[in-house]
């Protein structure tokens, strides 16, 4: 990961300090002490958190490589495939790709035949 995309050591420290304090307040009180330790290190010497930040970012990249294909597969098989199967079952051809051997052409005639001559003069 390039350093331009990584958060600063100070942002990383404050984020984890807040996260540990929040989780500690909700369930595990000893995490409040860990959050306080992160806050002190962030205030005094945030550069000490750089190796931990790099390891955390590498862990995030690893999770991305594992979770993204799984999520995309679930979306495909839960959303797109059932819709496609229903469309195929009812005979809908949304892209007009059905083979018609008797058709002289697959071109569709437009009425009106196209956009006006001057409609694309100043696009930007």
C-alpha atoms as a PDB file:
ATOM      1  CA  UNK A   1       0.000   0.000   0.000  1.00  0.00           C
ATOM      2  CA  UNK A   2       1.381   3.402  -0.888  1.00  0.00           C
ATOM      3  CA  UNK A   3       1.957   5.895   1.887  1.00  0.00           C
ATOM      4  CA  UNK A   4      -0.346   8.405   0.197  1.00  0.00           C
ATOM      5  CA  UNK A   5      -3.306   6.112   0.899  1.00  0.00           C
ATOM      6  CA  UNK A   6      -2.363   5.348   4.497  1.00  0.00           C
ATOM      7  CA  UNK A   7      -3.697   7.440   7.371  1.00  0.00           C
ATOM      8  CA  UNK A   8      -1.270   9.405   9.491  1.00  0.00           C
ATOM      9  CA  UNK A   9       0.129   7.816  12.637  1.00  0.00           C
ATOM     10  CA  UNK A  10      -1.801  10.339  14.718  1.00  0.00           C
ATOM     11  CA  UNK A  11      -5.147   9.581  13.037  1.00  0.00           C
ATOM     12  CA  UNK A  12      -4.513   5.870  13.415  1.00  0.00           C
ATOM     13  CA  UNK A  13      -3.720   6.293  17.111  1.00  0.00           C
ATOM     14  CA  UNK A  14      -6.775   8.430  17.873  1.00  0.00           C
ATOM     15  CA  UNK A  15      -9.043   6.074  15.956  1.00  0.00           C
ATOM     16  CA  UNK A  16      -7.862   3.029  17.867  1.00  0.00           C
ATOM     17  CA  UNK A  17      -7.911   4.887  21.190  1.00  0.00           C
ATOM     18  CA  UNK A  18     -11.547   5.857  20.622  1.00  0.00           C
ATOM     19  CA  UNK A  19     -12.431   2.365  19.417  1.00  0.00           C
ATOM     20  CA  UNK A  20     -10.899   0.677  22.456  1.00  0.00           C
ATOM     21  CA  UNK A  21     -12.532   3.122  24.869  1.00  0.00           C
ATOM     22  CA  UNK A  22     -15.931   2.640  23.195  1.00  0.00           C
ATOM     23  CA  UNK A  23     -15.716  -1.157  23.201  1.00  0.00           C
ATOM     24  CA  UNK A  24     -14.359  -1.100  26.755  1.00  0.00           C
ATOM     25  CA  UNK A  25     -17.268   1.038  27.918  1.00  0.00           C
ATOM     26  CA  UNK A  26     -19.745  -1.370  26.349  1.00  0.00           C
ATOM     27  CA  UNK A  27     -18.311  -4.755  27.291  1.00  0.00           C
ATOM     28  CA  UNK A  28     -14.680  -5.176  28.400  1.00  0.00           C
ATOM     29  CA  UNK A  29     -13.488  -2.534  30.908  1.00  0.00           C
ATOM     30  CA  UNK A  30      -9.821  -3.479  30.508  1.00  0.00           C
ATOM     31  CA  UNK A  31      -9.973  -2.153  26.928  1.00  0.00           C
ATOM     32  CA  UNK A  32     -10.440   1.345  28.351  1.00  0.00           C
ATOM     33  CA  UNK A  33      -6.887   1.110  29.707  1.00  0.00           C
ATOM     34  CA  UNK A  34      -5.639   0.016  26.285  1.00  0.00           C
ATOM     35  CA  UNK A  35      -7.474   2.960  24.726  1.00  0.00           C
ATOM     36  CA  UNK A  36      -5.870   5.306  27.242  1.00  0.00           C
ATOM     37  CA  UNK A  37      -2.456   3.838  26.404  1.00  0.00           C
ATOM     38  CA  UNK A  38      -3.086   4.458  22.693  1.00  0.00           C
ATOM     39  CA  UNK A  39      -4.133   8.036  23.484  1.00  0.00           C
ATOM     40  CA  UNK A  40      -0.977   8.712  25.511  1.00  0.00           C
ATOM     41  CA  UNK A  41       1.293   7.239  22.835  1.00  0.00           C
ATOM     42  CA  UNK A  42      -0.566   9.221  20.165  1.00  0.00           C
ATOM     43  CA  UNK A  43      -0.112  12.485  22.072  1.00  0.00           C
ATOM     44  CA  UNK A  44       3.560  11.942  22.929  1.00  0.00           C
ATOM     45  CA  UNK A  45       5.135   9.859  20.147  1.00  0.00           C
ATOM     46  CA  UNK A  46       2.693   8.968  17.388  1.00  0.00           C
ATOM     47  CA  UNK A  47       5.513   7.708  15.139  1.00  0.00           C
ATOM     48  CA  UNK A  48       5.826   4.644  17.424  1.00  0.00           C
ATOM     49  CA  UNK A  49       2.488   3.473  16.025  1.00  0.00           C
ATOM     50  CA  UNK A  50       3.791   3.264  12.425  1.00  0.00           C
ATOM     51  CA  UNK A  51       4.660  -0.492  12.490  1.00  0.00           C
ATOM     52  CA  UNK A  52       1.309  -1.316  14.053  1.00  0.00           C
ATOM     53  CA  UNK A  53      -0.436   0.850  11.459  1.00  0.00           C
ATOM     54  CA  UNK A  54       1.369  -0.904   8.600  1.00  0.00           C
ATOM     55  CA  UNK A  55       0.462  -4.313  10.010  1.00  0.00           C
ATOM     56  CA  UNK A  56      -3.172  -3.226  10.376  1.00  0.00           C
ATOM     57  CA  UNK A  57      -3.269  -1.989   6.783  1.00  0.00           C
ATOM     58  CA  UNK A  58      -1.731  -5.273   5.533  1.00  0.00           C
ATOM     59  CA  UNK A  59      -4.395  -7.148   7.492  1.00  0.00           C
ATOM     60  CA  UNK A  60      -7.027  -4.970   5.797  1.00  0.00           C
ATOM     61  CA  UNK A  61      -5.606  -5.825   2.378  1.00  0.00           C
ATOM     62  CA  UNK A  62      -5.716  -9.534   3.236  1.00  0.00           C
ATOM     63  CA  UNK A  63      -9.339  -9.219   4.344  1.00  0.00           C
ATOM     64  CA  UNK A  64     -10.117  -7.382   1.114  1.00  0.00           C
ATOM     65  CA  UNK A  65      -8.706 -10.241  -0.970  1.00  0.00           C
ATOM     66  CA  UNK A  66     -10.795 -12.783   0.951  1.00  0.00           C
ATOM     67  CA  UNK A  67     -14.057 -10.943   1.628  1.00  0.00           C
ATOM     68  CA  UNK A  68     -14.564  -9.107  -1.689  1.00  0.00           C
ATOM     69  CA  UNK A  69     -14.880 -12.226  -3.870  1.00  0.00           C
ATOM     70  CA  UNK A  70     -17.214 -13.807  -1.319  1.00  0.00           C
ATOM     71  CA  UNK A  71     -19.456 -10.728  -1.148  1.00  0.00           C
ATOM     72  CA  UNK A  72     -19.499 -10.362  -4.933  1.00  0.00           C
ATOM     73  CA  UNK A  73     -20.352 -14.057  -5.317  1.00  0.00           C
ATOM     74  CA  UNK A  74     -23.200 -13.776  -2.817  1.00  0.00           C
ATOM     75  CA  UNK A  75     -24.565 -10.704  -4.600  1.00  0.00           C
ATOM     76  CA  UNK A  76     -24.374 -12.495  -7.946  1.00  0.00           C
ATOM     77  CA  UNK A  77     -25.977 -15.741  -6.811  1.00  0.00           C
ATOM     78  CA  UNK A  78     -28.614 -14.140  -4.547  1.00  0.00           C
ATOM     79  CA  UNK A  79     -29.631 -11.170  -6.709  1.00  0.00           C
ATOM     80  CA  UNK A  80     -28.633 -11.414 -10.350  1.00  0.00           C
ATOM     81  CA  UNK A  81     -28.962 -15.122 -11.015  1.00  0.00           C
ATOM     82  CA  UNK A  82     -32.534 -15.441  -9.662  1.00  0.00           C
ATOM     83  CA  UNK A  83     -33.622 -12.387 -11.656  1.00  0.00           C
ATOM     84  CA  UNK A  84     -32.052 -13.846 -14.795  1.00  0.00           C
ATOM     85  CA  UNK A  85     -33.724 -17.204 -14.205  1.00  0.00           C
ATOM     86  CA  UNK A  86     -37.132 -15.568 -13.736  1.00  0.00           C
ATOM     87  CA  UNK A  87     -36.645 -13.448 -16.866  1.00  0.00           C
ATOM     88  CA  UNK A  88     -35.645 -16.532 -18.846  1.00  0.00           C
ATOM     89  CA  UNK A  89     -38.603 -18.510 -17.473  1.00  0.00           C
ATOM     90  CA  UNK A  90     -41.136 -15.868 -18.557  1.00  0.00           C
ATOM     91  CA  UNK A  91     -39.446 -15.465 -21.936  1.00  0.00           C
ATOM     92  CA  UNK A  92     -38.203 -11.906 -21.542  1.00  0.00           C
ATOM     93  CA  UNK A  93     -35.283 -10.920 -23.776  1.00  0.00           C
ATOM     94  CA  UNK A  94     -34.260  -7.484 -22.444  1.00  0.00           C
ATOM     95  CA  UNK A  95     -31.317  -7.100 -24.838  1.00  0.00           C
ATOM     96  CA  UNK A  96     -33.155  -8.453 -27.903  1.00  0.00           C
ATOM     97  CA  UNK A  97     -30.532 -11.127 -28.470  1.00  0.00           C
ATOM     98  CA  UNK A  98     -32.879 -13.923 -29.543  1.00  0.00           C
ATOM     99  CA  UNK A  99     -31.789 -15.621 -32.759  1.00  0.00           C
ATOM    100  CA  UNK A 100     -34.224 -15.122 -35.638  1.00  0.00           C
ATOM    101  CA  UNK A 101     -33.072 -16.993 -38.752  1.00  0.00           C
ATOM    102  CA  UNK A 102     -35.720 -15.394 -40.981  1.00  0.00           C
ATOM    103  CA  UNK A 103     -34.820 -11.831 -40.015  1.00  0.00           C
ATOM    104  CA  UNK A 104     -33.054  -9.919 -42.831  1.00  0.00           C
ATOM    105  CA  UNK A 105     -31.166  -7.774 -40.271  1.00  0.00           C
ATOM    106  CA  UNK A 106     -30.889  -7.222 -36.540  1.00  0.00           C
ATOM    107  CA  UNK A 107     -30.672  -3.456 -36.882  1.00  0.00           C
ATOM    108  CA  UNK A 108     -33.556  -1.597 -35.261  1.00  0.00           C
ATOM    109  CA  UNK A 109     -35.112   1.329 -37.098  1.00  0.00           C
ATOM    110  CA  UNK A 110     -35.301   4.479 -34.944  1.00  0.00           C
ATOM    111  CA  UNK A 111     -38.155   6.911 -35.163  1.00  0.00           C
ATOM    112  CA  UNK A 112     -37.018   9.663 -35.289  1.00  0.00           C
ATOM    113  CA  UNK A 113     -33.886   8.312 -36.931  1.00  0.00           C
ATOM    114  CA  UNK A 114     -31.443   9.872 -34.462  1.00  0.00           C
ATOM    115  CA  UNK A 115     -30.494  12.924 -32.456  1.00  0.00           C
ATOM    116  CA  UNK A 116     -30.675  16.355 -34.026  1.00  0.00           C
ATOM    117  CA  UNK A 117     -27.597  17.467 -35.961  1.00  0.00           C
ATOM    118  CA  UNK A 118     -26.742  20.231 -33.471  1.00  0.00           C
ATOM    119  CA  UNK A 119     -27.492  18.335 -30.227  1.00  0.00           C
ATOM    120  CA  UNK A 120     -23.866  17.364 -29.480  1.00  0.00           C
ATOM    121  CA  UNK A 121     -22.109  20.637 -30.223  1.00  0.00           C
ATOM    122  CA  UNK A 122     -21.100  21.791 -26.704  1.00  0.00           C
ATOM    123  CA  UNK A 123     -20.948  18.727 -24.483  1.00  0.00           C
ATOM    124  CA  UNK A 124     -18.692  20.286 -21.854  1.00  0.00           C
END
